[in-house]
Amino acid sequence: MKLNLTTDYALRILIFLASKPEELHSIETLSRIYRLPHSSLMKIVSELVRQGYVTSIRGRYGGIKLGRAASEINVGQVVRVMEESFEVANCGECLIQPQCGLRGVFADAVNAFLCVLDRSTVADLISNKEDLVPLLTLPEAPEHP
């Protein structure tokens, strides 16, 4: 099973925000650090704000930050919110679908996958914060004489 890019980016955003919770961050910064399209991140952040995972503060000194503690953001719940479908195969158009047991096996596999994700929070994803933060920092621009 492969998560869609929206879910992937949402988790990256949450990891970034959790790694530096004391600061407000711009979507532009996230775009530059992860090398992802600004427009895509805007849509994802909007959904994360709508779900309460992220808080957005408007204005000149605004930005985004986690909307709740990283330890309260369950990875499985985020994935469920961000994924459009958990369909592993296109069983609906299959000739043998009405009598095939594979659909039940796929459903069990997806449930097992989500159960594993349910055991983790965003705080768990940043347990190696001291090694992670340097990777999430933009390099300083060189000074011009």
N, C-alpha and C. Protein backbone atom coordinates (compact mmCIF):
# COMPACT_ATOMS: atom_id res chain seq x y z
N MET A 1 0.84 -1.18 0.00
CA MET A 1 0.00 0.00 0.00
C MET A 1 0.89 1.24 0.00
N LYS A 2 0.52 2.20 -0.78
CA LYS A 2 1.27 3.44 -0.86
C LYS A 2 0.34 4.61 -0.52
N LEU A 3 0.80 5.47 0.38
CA LEU A 3 0.02 6.65 0.73
C LEU A 3 0.11 7.67 -0.40
N ASN A 4 -0.95 8.47 -0.54
CA ASN A 4 -0.91 9.51 -1.56
C ASN A 4 0.03 10.64 -1.13
N LEU A 5 0.40 11.48 -2.07
CA LEU A 5 1.33 12.57 -1.78
C LEU A 5 0.78 13.56 -0.76
N THR A 6 -0.53 13.75 -0.77
CA THR A 6 -1.15 14.66 0.20
C THR A 6 -0.87 14.18 1.62
N THR A 7 -1.02 12.91 1.86
CA THR A 7 -0.77 12.35 3.19
C THR A 7 0.71 12.43 3.53
N ASP A 8 1.55 12.10 2.58
CA ASP A 8 3.00 12.18 2.76
C ASP A 8 3.39 13.60 3.17
N TYR A 9 2.93 14.60 2.42
CA TYR A 9 3.26 15.99 2.71
C TYR A 9 2.68 16.42 4.05
N ALA A 10 1.47 15.99 4.37
CA ALA A 10 0.84 16.35 5.66
C ALA A 10 1.69 15.84 6.82
N LEU A 11 2.16 14.63 6.72
CA LEU A 11 3.00 14.08 7.79
C LEU A 11 4.32 14.83 7.88
N ARG A 12 4.89 15.20 6.74
CA ARG A 12 6.14 15.97 6.75
C ARG A 12 5.93 17.34 7.41
N ILE A 13 4.81 17.96 7.11
CA ILE A 13 4.49 19.26 7.73
C ILE A 13 4.39 19.11 9.24
N LEU A 14 3.68 18.09 9.69
CA LEU A 14 3.51 17.88 11.13
C LEU A 14 4.84 17.57 11.81
N ILE A 15 5.69 16.80 11.15
CA ILE A 15 7.01 16.49 11.71
C ILE A 15 7.82 17.78 11.85
N PHE A 16 7.80 18.60 10.81
CA PHE A 16 8.54 19.87 10.86
C PHE A 16 8.03 20.74 12.01
N LEU A 17 6.72 20.94 12.08
CA LEU A 17 6.15 21.81 13.11
C LEU A 17 6.42 21.26 14.51
N ALA A 18 6.38 19.95 14.66
CA ALA A 18 6.63 19.34 15.97
C ALA A 18 8.10 19.45 16.37
N SER A 19 8.98 19.49 15.38
CA SER A 19 10.40 19.57 15.69
C SER A 19 10.81 20.96 16.16
N LYS A 20 10.00 21.97 15.83
CA LYS A 20 10.29 23.35 16.24
C LYS A 20 9.00 24.00 16.75
N PRO A 21 8.44 23.48 17.84
CA PRO A 21 7.11 23.91 18.28
C PRO A 21 7.04 25.32 18.85
N GLU A 22 8.17 25.86 19.25
CA GLU A 22 8.16 27.18 19.87
C GLU A 22 8.09 28.33 18.88
N GLU A 23 8.18 28.03 17.59
CA GLU A 23 8.22 29.06 16.56
C GLU A 23 6.99 29.01 15.65
N LEU A 24 6.69 30.15 15.04
CA LEU A 24 5.72 30.19 13.94
C LEU A 24 6.51 30.01 12.65
N HIS A 25 5.93 29.29 11.70
CA HIS A 25 6.63 28.97 10.46
C HIS A 25 5.78 29.37 9.27
N SER A 26 6.43 29.76 8.20
CA SER A 26 5.72 30.09 6.98
C SER A 26 5.65 28.87 6.06
N ILE A 27 4.63 28.86 5.24
CA ILE A 27 4.51 27.80 4.25
C ILE A 27 5.66 27.91 3.25
N GLU A 28 6.11 29.11 3.01
CA GLU A 28 7.27 29.32 2.12
C GLU A 28 8.50 28.59 2.66
N THR A 29 8.71 28.67 3.96
CA THR A 29 9.85 27.96 4.57
C THR A 29 9.71 26.46 4.36
N LEU A 30 8.53 25.94 4.62
CA LEU A 30 8.30 24.50 4.41
C LEU A 30 8.54 24.12 2.95
N SER A 31 8.08 24.95 2.05
CA SER A 31 8.24 24.70 0.63
C SER A 31 9.72 24.63 0.26
N ARG A 32 10.50 25.54 0.80
CA ARG A 32 11.93 25.58 0.49
C ARG A 32 12.68 24.42 1.13
N ILE A 33 12.36 24.10 2.36
CA ILE A 33 13.06 23.01 3.05
C ILE A 33 12.78 21.66 2.39
N TYR A 34 11.52 21.39 2.13
CA TYR A 34 11.15 20.09 1.56
C TYR A 34 11.21 20.07 0.03
N ARG A 35 11.41 21.25 -0.56
CA ARG A 35 11.42 21.37 -2.03
C ARG A 35 10.11 20.86 -2.63
N LEU A 36 9.03 21.38 -2.06
CA LEU A 36 7.68 21.00 -2.49
C LEU A 36 6.94 22.24 -2.98
N PRO A 37 5.98 22.06 -3.88
CA PRO A 37 5.23 23.21 -4.40
C PRO A 37 4.45 23.94 -3.31
N HIS A 38 4.60 25.25 -3.29
CA HIS A 38 3.92 26.11 -2.33
C HIS A 38 2.41 25.92 -2.40
N SER A 39 1.87 25.86 -3.62
CA SER A 39 0.42 25.73 -3.78
C SER A 39 -0.10 24.41 -3.19
N SER A 40 0.65 23.35 -3.35
CA SER A 40 0.24 22.06 -2.78
C SER A 40 0.23 22.13 -1.26
N LEU A 41 1.28 22.73 -0.70
CA LEU A 41 1.36 22.84 0.75
C LEU A 41 0.25 23.71 1.32
N MET A 42 -0.13 24.76 0.59
CA MET A 42 -1.24 25.62 1.04
C MET A 42 -2.52 24.81 1.23
N LYS A 43 -2.85 23.98 0.26
CA LYS A 43 -4.07 23.17 0.34
C LYS A 43 -4.00 22.18 1.51
N ILE A 44 -2.84 21.58 1.68
CA ILE A 44 -2.69 20.59 2.75
C ILE A 44 -2.75 21.26 4.12
N VAL A 45 -2.08 22.38 4.26
CA VAL A 45 -2.12 23.12 5.53
C VAL A 45 -3.54 23.54 5.84
N SER A 46 -4.27 23.97 4.83
CA SER A 46 -5.68 24.35 5.05
C SER A 46 -6.47 23.19 5.64
N GLU A 47 -6.25 22.00 5.12
CA GLU A 47 -6.96 20.82 5.65
C GLU A 47 -6.47 20.49 7.06
N LEU A 48 -5.19 20.60 7.31
CA LEU A 48 -4.66 20.34 8.65
C LEU A 48 -5.20 21.35 9.66
N VAL A 49 -5.38 22.59 9.23
CA VAL A 49 -5.99 23.62 10.09
C VAL A 49 -7.45 23.25 10.35
N ARG A 50 -8.16 22.88 9.30
CA ARG A 50 -9.57 22.51 9.42
C ARG A 50 -9.77 21.35 10.40
N GLN A 51 -8.82 20.42 10.40
CA GLN A 51 -8.90 19.25 11.28
C GLN A 51 -8.39 19.53 12.69
N GLY A 52 -7.80 20.72 12.91
CA GLY A 52 -7.31 21.08 14.23
C GLY A 52 -5.89 20.63 14.54
N TYR A 53 -5.21 20.05 13.56
CA TYR A 53 -3.83 19.61 13.79
C TYR A 53 -2.86 20.78 13.75
N VAL A 54 -3.23 21.83 13.01
CA VAL A 54 -2.37 23.00 12.83
C VAL A 54 -3.19 24.25 13.12
N THR A 55 -2.52 25.25 13.68
CA THR A 55 -3.11 26.56 13.91
C THR A 55 -2.45 27.55 12.96
N SER A 56 -3.26 28.40 12.37
CA SER A 56 -2.76 29.41 11.44
C SER A 56 -3.01 30.80 12.05
N ILE A 57 -1.98 31.60 12.06
CA ILE A 57 -2.09 32.97 12.57
C ILE A 57 -1.81 33.90 11.40
N ARG A 58 -2.78 34.74 11.10
CA ARG A 58 -2.65 35.65 9.97
C ARG A 58 -1.89 36.91 10.36
N GLY A 59 -1.44 37.62 9.34
CA GLY A 59 -0.82 38.91 9.56
C GLY A 59 0.67 38.90 9.34
N ARG A 60 1.23 40.06 9.51
CA ARG A 60 2.65 40.28 9.24
C ARG A 60 3.55 39.34 10.03
N TYR A 61 3.21 39.09 11.27
CA TYR A 61 4.02 38.22 12.12
C TYR A 61 3.36 36.85 12.31
N GLY A 62 2.54 36.49 11.37
CA GLY A 62 1.80 35.23 11.46
C GLY A 62 2.61 34.04 10.98
N GLY A 63 1.92 32.94 10.89
CA GLY A 63 2.54 31.69 10.44
C GLY A 63 1.69 30.52 10.90
N ILE A 64 2.29 29.36 10.88
CA ILE A 64 1.59 28.16 11.32
C ILE A 64 2.40 27.46 12.40
N LYS A 65 1.67 26.72 13.23
CA LYS A 65 2.28 25.90 14.28
C LYS A 65 1.31 24.77 14.59
N LEU A 66 1.75 23.82 15.38
CA LEU A 66 0.85 22.73 15.75
C LEU A 66 -0.35 23.27 16.50
N GLY A 67 -1.49 22.67 16.24
CA GLY A 67 -2.72 23.08 16.91
C GLY A 67 -2.94 22.37 18.23
N ARG A 68 -2.16 21.35 18.47
CA ARG A 68 -2.20 20.62 19.74
C ARG A 68 -0.84 19.96 19.94
N ALA A 69 -0.61 19.42 21.08
CA ALA A 69 0.68 18.79 21.37
C ALA A 69 0.94 17.64 20.41
N ALA A 70 2.20 17.48 20.02
CA ALA A 70 2.58 16.40 19.10
C ALA A 70 2.19 15.03 19.67
N SER A 71 2.21 14.91 20.98
CA SER A 71 1.85 13.64 21.61
C SER A 71 0.35 13.34 21.52
N GLU A 72 -0.44 14.34 21.12
CA GLU A 72 -1.89 14.17 20.99
C GLU A 72 -2.32 13.99 19.53
N ILE A 73 -1.37 13.99 18.60
CA ILE A 73 -1.70 13.83 17.18
C ILE A 73 -1.35 12.42 16.77
N ASN A 74 -2.37 11.60 16.58
CA ASN A 74 -2.21 10.20 16.23
C ASN A 74 -1.96 10.07 14.72
N VAL A 75 -0.91 9.35 14.37
CA VAL A 75 -0.53 9.19 12.97
C VAL A 75 -1.63 8.48 12.18
N GLY A 76 -2.22 7.45 12.74
CA GLY A 76 -3.29 6.73 12.06
C GLY A 76 -4.48 7.62 11.75
N GLN A 77 -4.84 8.50 12.67
CA GLN A 77 -5.95 9.42 12.44
C GLN A 77 -5.63 10.41 11.33
N VAL A 78 -4.39 10.91 11.31
CA VAL A 78 -3.99 11.84 10.25
C VAL A 78 -4.09 11.14 8.89
N VAL A 79 -3.60 9.93 8.82
CA VAL A 79 -3.65 9.18 7.56
C VAL A 79 -5.09 8.95 7.12
N ARG A 80 -5.96 8.59 8.05
CA ARG A 80 -7.37 8.38 7.69
C ARG A 80 -8.01 9.66 7.14
N VAL A 81 -7.67 10.80 7.73
CA VAL A 81 -8.24 12.08 7.29
C VAL A 81 -7.72 12.47 5.91
N MET A 82 -6.45 12.24 5.66
CA MET A 82 -5.82 12.74 4.44
C MET A 82 -5.98 11.81 3.24
N GLU A 83 -6.14 10.53 3.47
CA GLU A 83 -6.27 9.58 2.36
C GLU A 83 -7.68 9.63 1.78
N GLU A 84 -7.78 9.58 0.48
CA GLU A 84 -9.08 9.56 -0.18
C GLU A 84 -9.69 8.17 -0.17
N SER A 85 -8.85 7.15 -0.23
CA SER A 85 -9.34 5.79 -0.32
C SER A 85 -8.29 4.83 0.22
N PHE A 86 -8.74 3.72 0.72
CA PHE A 86 -7.84 2.66 1.15
C PHE A 86 -8.03 1.42 0.29
N GLU A 87 -8.56 1.62 -0.88
CA GLU A 87 -8.78 0.51 -1.80
C GLU A 87 -7.43 0.01 -2.32
N VAL A 88 -7.13 -1.25 -2.05
CA VAL A 88 -5.86 -1.84 -2.47
C VAL A 88 -5.93 -2.27 -3.93
N ALA A 89 -7.08 -2.74 -4.34
CA ALA A 89 -7.27 -3.17 -5.73
C ALA A 89 -8.66 -2.73 -6.18
N ASN A 90 -8.85 -2.70 -7.48
CA ASN A 90 -10.13 -2.30 -8.04
C ASN A 90 -11.05 -3.52 -8.14
N CYS A 91 -11.56 -3.93 -7.00
CA CYS A 91 -12.39 -5.13 -6.96
C CYS A 91 -13.79 -4.90 -7.53
N GLY A 92 -14.24 -3.67 -7.53
CA GLY A 92 -15.60 -3.37 -7.98
C GLY A 92 -15.90 -3.76 -9.41
N GLU A 93 -14.91 -3.74 -10.27
CA GLU A 93 -15.12 -4.07 -11.68
C GLU A 93 -14.71 -5.49 -12.03
N CYS A 94 -14.33 -6.26 -11.03
CA CYS A 94 -13.85 -7.62 -11.28
C CYS A 94 -15.00 -8.60 -11.43
N LEU A 95 -14.90 -9.48 -12.37
CA LEU A 95 -15.92 -10.49 -12.67
C LEU A 95 -16.19 -11.41 -11.49
N ILE A 96 -15.16 -11.79 -10.75
CA ILE A 96 -15.34 -12.75 -9.65
C ILE A 96 -15.55 -12.09 -8.29
N GLN A 97 -15.60 -10.78 -8.27
CA GLN A 97 -15.71 -10.04 -7.02
C GLN A 97 -16.81 -10.54 -6.09
N PRO A 98 -18.00 -10.87 -6.60
CA PRO A 98 -19.05 -11.29 -5.66
C PRO A 98 -18.71 -12.54 -4.85
N GLN A 99 -17.86 -13.40 -5.38
CA GLN A 99 -17.53 -14.65 -4.69
C GLN A 99 -16.07 -14.76 -4.26
N CYS A 100 -15.30 -13.71 -4.48
CA CYS A 100 -13.87 -13.75 -4.20
C CYS A 100 -13.58 -13.39 -2.75
N GLY A 101 -12.66 -14.12 -2.14
CA GLY A 101 -12.27 -13.85 -0.77
C GLY A 101 -11.14 -12.84 -0.64
N LEU A 102 -10.60 -12.42 -1.78
CA LEU A 102 -9.47 -11.50 -1.74
C LEU A 102 -9.84 -10.14 -1.16
N ARG A 103 -11.04 -9.70 -1.41
CA ARG A 103 -11.48 -8.40 -0.90
C ARG A 103 -11.40 -8.36 0.63
N GLY A 104 -11.80 -9.43 1.28
CA GLY A 104 -11.72 -9.52 2.75
C GLY A 104 -10.27 -9.54 3.24
N VAL A 105 -9.41 -10.21 2.49
CA VAL A 105 -7.99 -10.26 2.85
C VAL A 105 -7.40 -8.85 2.75
N PHE A 106 -7.75 -8.13 1.67
CA PHE A 106 -7.27 -6.76 1.51
C PHE A 106 -7.77 -5.86 2.65
N ALA A 107 -9.02 -6.03 3.02
CA ALA A 107 -9.58 -5.22 4.11
C ALA A 107 -8.84 -5.50 5.42
N ASP A 108 -8.53 -6.76 5.68
CA ASP A 108 -7.77 -7.11 6.88
C ASP A 108 -6.38 -6.50 6.84
N ALA A 109 -5.75 -6.51 5.67
CA ALA A 109 -4.41 -5.94 5.53
C ALA A 109 -4.42 -4.44 5.80
N VAL A 110 -5.40 -3.74 5.26
CA VAL A 110 -5.52 -2.30 5.48
C VAL A 110 -5.76 -2.02 6.97
N ASN A 111 -6.62 -2.80 7.59
CA ASN A 111 -6.88 -2.63 9.03
C ASN A 111 -5.62 -2.84 9.85
N ALA A 112 -4.82 -3.84 9.49
CA ALA A 112 -3.57 -4.10 10.21
C ALA A 112 -2.61 -2.93 10.02
N PHE A 113 -2.52 -2.43 8.81
CA PHE A 113 -1.68 -1.27 8.49
C PHE A 113 -2.07 -0.08 9.36
N LEU A 114 -3.37 0.22 9.41
CA LEU A 114 -3.85 1.36 10.19
C LEU A 114 -3.64 1.13 11.70
N CYS A 115 -3.77 -0.10 12.15
CA CYS A 115 -3.54 -0.39 13.57
C CYS A 115 -2.10 -0.09 13.97
N VAL A 116 -1.15 -0.40 13.09
CA VAL A 116 0.25 -0.08 13.37
C VAL A 116 0.43 1.43 13.44
N LEU A 117 -0.16 2.17 12.50
CA LEU A 117 -0.06 3.62 12.52
C LEU A 117 -0.72 4.21 13.75
N ASP A 118 -1.79 3.59 14.21
CA ASP A 118 -2.50 4.07 15.40
C ASP A 118 -1.65 4.01 16.67
N ARG A 119 -0.60 3.23 16.65
CA ARG A 119 0.27 3.10 17.83
C ARG A 119 1.28 4.23 17.93
N SER A 120 1.30 5.13 16.94
CA SER A 120 2.30 6.20 16.94
C SER A 120 1.65 7.58 16.94
N THR A 121 2.34 8.51 17.57
CA THR A 121 1.95 9.91 17.52
C THR A 121 3.03 10.68 16.78
N VAL A 122 2.75 11.93 16.48
CA VAL A 122 3.76 12.77 15.84
C VAL A 122 4.97 12.92 16.77
N ALA A 123 4.74 12.93 18.06
CA ALA A 123 5.86 13.01 19.01
C ALA A 123 6.81 11.82 18.84
N ASP A 124 6.25 10.65 18.56
CA ASP A 124 7.09 9.47 18.33
C ASP A 124 7.95 9.64 17.08
N LEU A 125 7.43 10.35 16.10
CA LEU A 125 8.15 10.53 14.83
C LEU A 125 9.34 11.47 14.96
N ILE A 126 9.37 12.24 16.03
CA ILE A 126 10.49 13.18 16.23
C ILE A 126 11.30 12.81 17.47
N SER A 127 11.28 11.56 17.85
CA SER A 127 12.01 11.13 19.05
C SER A 127 13.51 11.35 18.91
N ASN A 128 14.00 11.46 17.69
CA ASN A 128 15.42 11.73 17.43
C ASN A 128 15.60 13.21 17.05
N LYS A 129 14.94 14.08 17.78
CA LYS A 129 14.87 15.51 17.46
C LYS A 129 16.24 16.16 17.25
N GLU A 130 17.21 15.81 18.08
CA GLU A 130 18.53 16.45 17.95
C GLU A 130 19.20 16.12 16.62
N ASP A 131 18.90 14.99 16.03
CA ASP A 131 19.44 14.65 14.71
C ASP A 131 18.54 15.14 13.58
N LEU A 132 17.27 15.30 13.87
CA LEU A 132 16.29 15.70 12.86
C LEU A 132 16.32 17.20 12.57
N VAL A 133 16.38 18.02 13.60
CA VAL A 133 16.29 19.47 13.43
C VAL A 133 17.34 20.03 12.46
N PRO A 134 18.60 19.60 12.52
CA PRO A 134 19.56 20.14 11.55
C PRO A 134 19.18 19.85 10.09
N LEU A 135 18.49 18.77 9.86
CA LEU A 135 18.06 18.44 8.49
C LEU A 135 16.91 19.32 8.03
N LEU A 136 16.21 19.93 8.98
CA LEU A 136 15.05 20.76 8.67
C LEU A 136 15.36 22.25 8.79
N THR A 137 16.59 22.61 8.58
CA THR A 137 17.02 23.99 8.68
C THR A 137 17.57 24.46 7.35
N LEU A 138 17.10 25.61 6.92
CA LEU A 138 17.62 26.18 5.68
C LEU A 138 19.04 26.67 5.91
N PRO A 139 19.91 26.46 4.94
CA PRO A 139 21.28 26.97 5.11
C PRO A 139 21.28 28.50 5.11
N GLU A 140 22.17 29.05 5.87
CA GLU A 140 22.31 30.52 5.93
C GLU A 140 22.82 31.03 4.59
N ALA A 141 22.29 32.14 4.17
CA ALA A 141 22.76 32.78 2.93
C ALA A 141 24.14 33.37 3.20
N PRO A 142 25.06 33.21 2.26
CA PRO A 142 26.39 33.79 2.47
C PRO A 142 26.31 35.31 2.49
N GLU A 143 27.15 35.91 3.31
CA GLU A 143 27.18 37.36 3.40
C GLU A 143 27.91 37.92 2.19
N HIS A 144 27.38 39.02 1.66
CA HIS A 144 28.01 39.70 0.52
C HIS A 144 28.81 40.88 1.02
N PRO A 145 30.05 41.02 0.54
CA PRO A 145 30.86 42.15 1.00
C PRO A 145 30.36 43.48 0.51
